[in-house]
Amino acid sequence: MGLGGVSIWQLLIVLVIVILLFGTKKLRSLGGDLGSAIKNFKQSVREGEDSVNDDDAAINHEQTASNQHASEKDTHSNN
């Protein structure tokens, strides 16, 4: 028994059938397309995380500035 009840022989038979149906050139190009799609997806995720981090930093900066402004306003009104 192999992975989840599938033996190695069953996997090899499926692999042979797929190669016969699609051919090695088609599978090679499909693999290249899949690889570039994964690469682009990872790059987009990284850019999205960077954007979120930049947005969080900007929000924190705005909150800090408004808190400082509010505390200065309270200090002046108490005098």
N, C-alpha and C. Protein backbone atom coordinates (compact mmCIF):
# COMPACT_ATOMS: atom_id res chain seq x y z
N MET A 1 0.84 -1.19 0.00
CA MET A 1 0.00 0.00 0.00
C MET A 1 0.88 1.24 0.00
N GLY A 2 0.45 2.23 -0.72
CA GLY A 2 1.19 3.47 -0.82
C GLY A 2 0.45 4.59 -0.12
N LEU A 3 0.29 5.65 -0.83
CA LEU A 3 -0.35 6.84 -0.28
C LEU A 3 -1.87 6.68 -0.26
N GLY A 4 -2.45 6.61 0.89
CA GLY A 4 -3.90 6.57 1.04
C GLY A 4 -4.57 5.42 0.29
N GLY A 5 -3.95 4.26 0.26
CA GLY A 5 -4.56 3.11 -0.41
C GLY A 5 -4.22 3.00 -1.87
N VAL A 6 -3.35 3.86 -2.41
CA VAL A 6 -2.96 3.80 -3.80
C VAL A 6 -1.54 3.23 -3.86
N SER A 7 -1.36 2.14 -4.59
CA SER A 7 -0.04 1.53 -4.66
C SER A 7 0.82 2.23 -5.70
N ILE A 8 2.11 1.95 -5.66
CA ILE A 8 3.04 2.55 -6.60
C ILE A 8 2.75 2.09 -8.03
N TRP A 9 2.26 0.86 -8.19
CA TRP A 9 1.93 0.35 -9.52
C TRP A 9 0.75 1.10 -10.12
N GLN A 10 -0.22 1.42 -9.32
CA GLN A 10 -1.37 2.18 -9.82
C GLN A 10 -0.94 3.58 -10.26
N LEU A 11 -0.05 4.20 -9.50
CA LEU A 11 0.47 5.51 -9.87
C LEU A 11 1.25 5.45 -11.18
N LEU A 12 2.06 4.41 -11.36
CA LEU A 12 2.83 4.25 -12.59
C LEU A 12 1.92 4.04 -13.80
N ILE A 13 0.86 3.25 -13.63
CA ILE A 13 -0.09 3.03 -14.73
C ILE A 13 -0.76 4.34 -15.12
N VAL A 14 -1.18 5.12 -14.15
CA VAL A 14 -1.80 6.42 -14.43
C VAL A 14 -0.81 7.34 -15.13
N LEU A 15 0.43 7.34 -14.70
CA LEU A 15 1.47 8.16 -15.32
C LEU A 15 1.68 7.78 -16.78
N VAL A 16 1.73 6.48 -17.07
CA VAL A 16 1.90 6.01 -18.44
C VAL A 16 0.71 6.43 -19.30
N ILE A 17 -0.49 6.31 -18.78
CA ILE A 17 -1.68 6.70 -19.55
C ILE A 17 -1.67 8.20 -19.84
N VAL A 18 -1.30 9.00 -18.84
CA VAL A 18 -1.24 10.46 -19.04
C VAL A 18 -0.20 10.81 -20.10
N ILE A 19 0.96 10.15 -20.06
CA ILE A 19 2.00 10.42 -21.07
C ILE A 19 1.52 10.02 -22.46
N LEU A 20 0.83 8.90 -22.54
CA LEU A 20 0.31 8.46 -23.85
C LEU A 20 -0.75 9.42 -24.38
N LEU A 21 -1.60 9.94 -23.50
CA LEU A 21 -2.67 10.83 -23.94
C LEU A 21 -2.15 12.20 -24.37
N PHE A 22 -1.27 12.78 -23.57
CA PHE A 22 -0.85 14.16 -23.80
C PHE A 22 0.50 14.29 -24.49
N GLY A 23 1.36 13.33 -24.34
CA GLY A 23 2.69 13.43 -24.92
C GLY A 23 3.62 14.21 -24.01
N THR A 24 4.91 13.96 -24.19
CA THR A 24 5.88 14.59 -23.29
C THR A 24 6.03 16.09 -23.54
N LYS A 25 5.89 16.53 -24.80
CA LYS A 25 6.03 17.97 -25.08
C LYS A 25 4.91 18.77 -24.41
N LYS A 26 3.72 18.25 -24.51
CA LYS A 26 2.57 18.93 -23.90
C LYS A 26 2.72 18.97 -22.38
N LEU A 27 3.16 17.86 -21.79
CA LEU A 27 3.35 17.81 -20.33
C LEU A 27 4.46 18.76 -19.90
N ARG A 28 5.52 18.85 -20.71
CA ARG A 28 6.63 19.75 -20.39
C ARG A 28 6.16 21.21 -20.41
N SER A 29 5.39 21.57 -21.43
CA SER A 29 4.90 22.95 -21.50
C SER A 29 3.88 23.23 -20.39
N LEU A 30 3.08 22.23 -20.07
CA LEU A 30 2.12 22.37 -18.97
C LEU A 30 2.84 22.58 -17.65
N GLY A 31 3.92 21.83 -17.44
CA GLY A 31 4.72 21.99 -16.22
C GLY A 31 5.36 23.37 -16.15
N GLY A 32 5.85 23.86 -17.28
CA GLY A 32 6.44 25.21 -17.31
C GLY A 32 5.40 26.28 -17.02
N ASP A 33 4.21 26.12 -17.60
CA ASP A 33 3.13 27.08 -17.34
C ASP A 33 2.71 27.06 -15.88
N LEU A 34 2.62 25.86 -15.32
CA LEU A 34 2.25 25.74 -13.91
C LEU A 34 3.31 26.38 -13.02
N GLY A 35 4.58 26.14 -13.34
CA GLY A 35 5.67 26.73 -12.56
C GLY A 35 5.66 28.25 -12.61
N SER A 36 5.43 28.83 -13.78
CA SER A 36 5.40 30.29 -13.87
C SER A 36 4.16 30.85 -13.17
N ALA A 37 3.05 30.13 -13.20
CA ALA A 37 1.86 30.58 -12.49
C ALA A 37 2.10 30.61 -10.99
N ILE A 38 2.76 29.58 -10.46
CA ILE A 38 3.07 29.54 -9.03
C ILE A 38 4.02 30.65 -8.67
N LYS A 39 5.02 30.90 -9.52
CA LYS A 39 5.99 31.97 -9.28
C LYS A 39 5.29 33.33 -9.22
N ASN A 40 4.40 33.58 -10.18
CA ASN A 40 3.65 34.85 -10.20
C ASN A 40 2.74 34.98 -8.99
N PHE A 41 2.14 33.88 -8.58
CA PHE A 41 1.26 33.91 -7.41
C PHE A 41 2.05 34.27 -6.15
N LYS A 42 3.21 33.63 -5.97
CA LYS A 42 4.04 33.93 -4.80
C LYS A 42 4.49 35.38 -4.81
N GLN A 43 4.84 35.90 -5.99
CA GLN A 43 5.26 37.29 -6.10
C GLN A 43 4.10 38.23 -5.73
N SER A 44 2.90 37.91 -6.18
CA SER A 44 1.73 38.74 -5.85
C SER A 44 1.43 38.71 -4.36
N VAL A 45 1.59 37.55 -3.74
CA VAL A 45 1.34 37.43 -2.30
C VAL A 45 2.36 38.29 -1.54
N ARG A 46 3.64 38.22 -1.95
CA ARG A 46 4.67 39.04 -1.31
C ARG A 46 4.36 40.53 -1.45
N GLU A 47 3.96 40.95 -2.65
CA GLU A 47 3.63 42.35 -2.88
C GLU A 47 2.41 42.76 -2.05
N GLY A 48 1.44 41.87 -1.92
CA GLY A 48 0.27 42.16 -1.10
C GLY A 48 0.63 42.31 0.36
N GLU A 49 1.52 41.46 0.85
CA GLU A 49 1.97 41.56 2.25
C GLU A 49 2.72 42.86 2.48
N ASP A 50 3.57 43.24 1.51
CA ASP A 50 4.30 44.50 1.63
C ASP A 50 3.34 45.69 1.65
N SER A 51 2.30 45.61 0.83
CA SER A 51 1.31 46.68 0.78
C SER A 51 0.56 46.78 2.10
N VAL A 52 0.19 45.64 2.67
CA VAL A 52 -0.51 45.63 3.96
C VAL A 52 0.39 46.18 5.05
N ASN A 53 1.65 45.80 5.04
CA ASN A 53 2.59 46.30 6.04
C ASN A 53 2.77 47.80 5.91
N ASP A 54 2.85 48.30 4.67
CA ASP A 54 2.97 49.74 4.45
C ASP A 54 1.72 50.47 4.94
N ASP A 55 0.54 49.89 4.67
CA ASP A 55 -0.71 50.49 5.12
C ASP A 55 -0.78 50.52 6.65
N ASP A 56 -0.37 49.42 7.29
CA ASP A 56 -0.37 49.36 8.75
C ASP A 56 0.57 50.41 9.33
N ALA A 57 1.74 50.58 8.72
CA ALA A 57 2.69 51.57 9.21
C ALA A 57 2.11 52.97 9.06
N ALA A 58 1.44 53.24 7.95
CA ALA A 58 0.84 54.56 7.75
C ALA A 58 -0.28 54.81 8.75
N ILE A 59 -1.10 53.80 9.02
CA ILE A 59 -2.19 53.95 10.00
C ILE A 59 -1.61 54.21 11.39
N ASN A 60 -0.58 53.44 11.77
CA ASN A 60 0.04 53.64 13.08
C ASN A 60 0.65 55.03 13.19
N HIS A 61 1.25 55.52 12.11
CA HIS A 61 1.84 56.86 12.11
C HIS A 61 0.75 57.91 12.28
N GLU A 62 -0.38 57.75 11.57
CA GLU A 62 -1.48 58.70 11.69
C GLU A 62 -2.08 58.69 13.09
N GLN A 63 -2.23 57.49 13.67
CA GLN A 63 -2.79 57.39 15.02
C GLN A 63 -1.85 58.04 16.04
N THR A 64 -0.56 57.83 15.89
CA THR A 64 0.42 58.43 16.80
C THR A 64 0.38 59.95 16.69
N ALA A 65 0.31 60.44 15.46
CA ALA A 65 0.28 61.89 15.25
C ALA A 65 -1.00 62.49 15.83
N SER A 66 -2.14 61.83 15.64
CA SER A 66 -3.39 62.37 16.17
C SER A 66 -3.41 62.29 17.70
N ASN A 67 -2.82 61.24 18.28
CA ASN A 67 -2.75 61.15 19.74
C ASN A 67 -1.86 62.24 20.31
N GLN A 68 -0.76 62.52 19.64
CA GLN A 68 0.13 63.59 20.11
C GLN A 68 -0.57 64.93 20.00
N HIS A 69 -1.29 65.13 18.90
CA HIS A 69 -2.01 66.38 18.71
C HIS A 69 -3.09 66.55 19.78
N ALA A 70 -3.80 65.47 20.10
CA ALA A 70 -4.85 65.52 21.11
C ALA A 70 -4.26 65.79 22.49
N SER A 71 -3.12 65.21 22.81
CA SER A 71 -2.51 65.44 24.12
C SER A 71 -1.98 66.86 24.22
N GLU A 72 -1.47 67.40 23.11
CA GLU A 72 -1.02 68.80 23.12
C GLU A 72 -2.21 69.74 23.31
N LYS A 73 -3.34 69.40 22.69
CA LYS A 73 -4.54 70.20 22.80
C LYS A 73 -5.05 70.19 24.25
N ASP A 74 -5.01 69.01 24.91
CA ASP A 74 -5.42 68.91 26.29
C ASP A 74 -4.50 69.71 27.20
N THR A 75 -3.23 69.69 26.91
CA THR A 75 -2.25 70.42 27.72
C THR A 75 -2.50 71.92 27.63
N HIS A 76 -2.79 72.42 26.44
CA HIS A 76 -3.04 73.85 26.25
C HIS A 76 -4.38 74.26 26.87
N SER A 77 -5.38 73.40 26.85
CA SER A 77 -6.68 73.77 27.41
C SER A 77 -6.65 73.74 28.93
N ASN A 78 -5.75 72.96 29.53
CA ASN A 78 -5.64 72.91 30.98
C ASN A 78 -4.91 74.12 31.53
N ASN A 79 -4.12 74.78 30.70
CA ASN A 79 -3.37 75.95 31.17
C ASN A 79 -4.20 77.16 31.13
